[in-house]
């Protein structure tokens, strides 16, 4: 993955976090991009953090505002993709979003 694409993913994630919303089509596209990136480069790393994004993409009743699980997942992805690439070859459990990833509440789209 090119450095430009890497940077673009971080910018996209930051934009969703800054605006505090993610629409269903955006969630679907973002999940595809992140799934490809983690499978192509790092195996299954980060798959658990795709769940809230996919839940948003699949839910017909989802509001555009970010819920706690979705904001936490987007924050994790932003932090993970912002880490130096050399660090990503090590176990990634040291990358945290204030421990919020432990508190996913059912991973709902609301």
Foldseek 3Di string as FASTA:
>chain_A
DDPVVLVVLLVVLVVCLVVQFDALVRLVVNLVVVVCVCCVPPNCPLVLLNLLSVQRNPDPPADGGDDLSVSQSSVQVSQLSPDPPVCSVDDPPVRGDVPCNVVDDVSHRD
